[in-house]
Amino acid sequence: MSMPKGHKSINGYSTVAIEYGGMDYRNIATKMTEAGFKMNHATARNIFLKAMKKFAKSILKFQGVESELDVDRIAKDPRFQSAVIEIVNNFYPQSYSDYRS
């Protein structure tokens, strides 16, 4: 029996790791495990999405929308993720290469 096909997002997949010099979920999990916090790539992804949901929820609340479905949909959207990372990089422009070594 073949493996089931994954869900293809309407707006693609996030590539912020490449665009902004960050790490992908596997590298994050490896780094955290080396630091003593056992983690796999799925956990790294879930923590990242949890943070994105907090941003999305605050923005939607400001706009007067409080739908959890909208929060989840927006938090998973790679365009939203890229925008949040770009904003954060404007406040913290230092290189994150320290975290990768």
Protein backbone atom coordinates (compact mmCIF):
# COMPACT_ATOMS: atom_id res chain seq x y z
CA MET A 1 0.00 0.00 0.00
CA SER A 2 1.40 3.39 -0.94
CA MET A 3 1.84 6.20 1.54
CA PRO A 4 -0.98 8.75 1.68
CA LYS A 5 -0.34 12.05 -0.08
CA GLY A 6 0.26 15.10 2.09
CA HIS A 7 -1.96 18.15 2.08
CA LYS A 8 -0.79 20.82 -0.35
CA SER A 9 -1.39 24.28 1.04
CA ILE A 10 -3.15 26.73 -1.26
CA ASN A 11 -0.36 29.27 -0.80
CA GLY A 12 2.55 26.81 -0.80
CA TYR A 13 4.89 25.93 2.00
CA SER A 14 6.92 28.21 4.17
CA THR A 15 10.50 28.73 3.04
CA VAL A 16 11.47 31.32 5.61
CA ALA A 17 14.44 29.24 6.74
CA ILE A 18 16.10 29.72 3.37
CA GLU A 19 14.94 33.28 2.72
CA TYR A 20 16.07 34.73 6.03
CA GLY A 21 19.09 32.58 6.82
CA GLY A 22 17.27 30.65 9.54
CA MET A 23 17.11 26.94 10.27
CA ASP A 24 14.58 24.38 9.14
CA TYR A 25 12.59 22.35 11.68
CA ARG A 26 15.01 19.41 11.64
CA ASN A 27 18.00 21.64 12.35
CA ILE A 28 16.11 23.39 15.15
CA ALA A 29 15.21 20.03 16.69
CA THR A 30 18.80 18.82 16.47
CA LYS A 31 20.12 22.02 18.07
CA MET A 32 17.57 21.85 20.89
CA THR A 33 18.35 18.18 21.54
CA GLU A 34 22.07 18.98 21.70
CA ALA A 35 21.24 21.72 24.23
CA GLY A 36 19.47 19.16 26.44
CA PHE A 37 15.87 19.70 25.31
CA LYS A 38 14.79 16.52 23.54
CA MET A 39 12.85 17.54 20.47
CA ASN A 40 11.94 16.24 17.02
CA HIS A 41 11.10 18.21 13.89
CA ALA A 42 7.33 17.90 14.44
CA THR A 43 7.65 19.46 17.89
CA ALA A 44 9.77 22.30 16.49
CA ARG A 45 7.09 22.92 13.86
CA ASN A 46 4.31 22.86 16.46
CA ILE A 47 6.12 25.36 18.68
CA PHE A 48 6.71 27.64 15.68
CA LEU A 49 3.04 27.44 14.68
CA LYS A 50 1.96 28.11 18.26
CA ALA A 51 3.98 31.35 18.17
CA MET A 52 2.48 32.26 14.77
CA LYS A 53 -1.02 31.65 16.19
CA LYS A 54 -0.31 34.14 18.98
CA PHE A 55 0.65 36.78 16.42
CA ALA A 56 -2.38 35.98 14.24
CA LYS A 57 -4.80 36.00 17.17
CA SER A 58 -3.59 39.42 18.34
CA ILE A 59 -3.81 40.89 14.85
CA LEU A 60 -7.28 39.46 14.23
CA LYS A 61 -8.50 40.64 17.63
CA PHE A 62 -7.26 44.13 16.76
CA GLN A 63 -9.28 43.86 13.52
CA GLY A 64 -12.39 42.71 15.44
CA VAL A 65 -12.29 39.08 14.24
CA GLU A 66 -12.13 36.32 16.85
CA SER A 67 -12.59 33.13 14.83
CA GLU A 68 -10.25 30.27 15.81
CA LEU A 69 -10.56 28.87 12.28
CA ASP A 70 -9.20 32.11 10.86
CA VAL A 71 -6.37 32.13 13.41
CA ASP A 72 -5.27 28.61 12.41
CA ARG A 73 -5.58 29.29 8.69
CA ILE A 74 -3.63 32.53 8.86
CA ALA A 75 -0.92 31.17 11.19
CA LYS A 76 -0.17 28.34 8.74
CA ASP A 77 -0.04 30.65 5.72
CA PRO A 78 3.60 31.04 4.55
CA ARG A 79 2.89 34.61 3.44
CA PHE A 80 1.86 35.53 6.99
CA GLN A 81 4.88 33.71 8.44
CA SER A 82 7.23 35.55 6.09
CA ALA A 83 5.67 38.89 7.00
CA VAL A 84 6.02 38.25 10.74
CA ILE A 85 9.63 37.16 10.34
CA GLU A 86 10.39 40.24 8.25
CA ILE A 87 8.90 42.49 10.95
CA VAL A 88 10.85 40.71 13.70
CA ASN A 89 14.05 41.01 11.65
CA ASN A 90 13.49 44.77 11.45
CA PHE A 91 13.53 44.94 15.26
CA TYR A 92 16.35 42.42 15.72
CA PRO A 93 18.55 42.77 12.61
CA GLN A 94 21.56 40.88 14.01
CA SER A 95 22.73 37.72 12.32
CA TYR A 96 21.38 34.47 13.67
CA SER A 97 24.45 32.50 12.60
CA ASP A 98 25.44 32.30 16.28
CA TYR A 99 22.55 29.92 16.87
CA ARG A 100 23.50 27.60 14.01
CA SER A 101 27.07 26.90 15.07
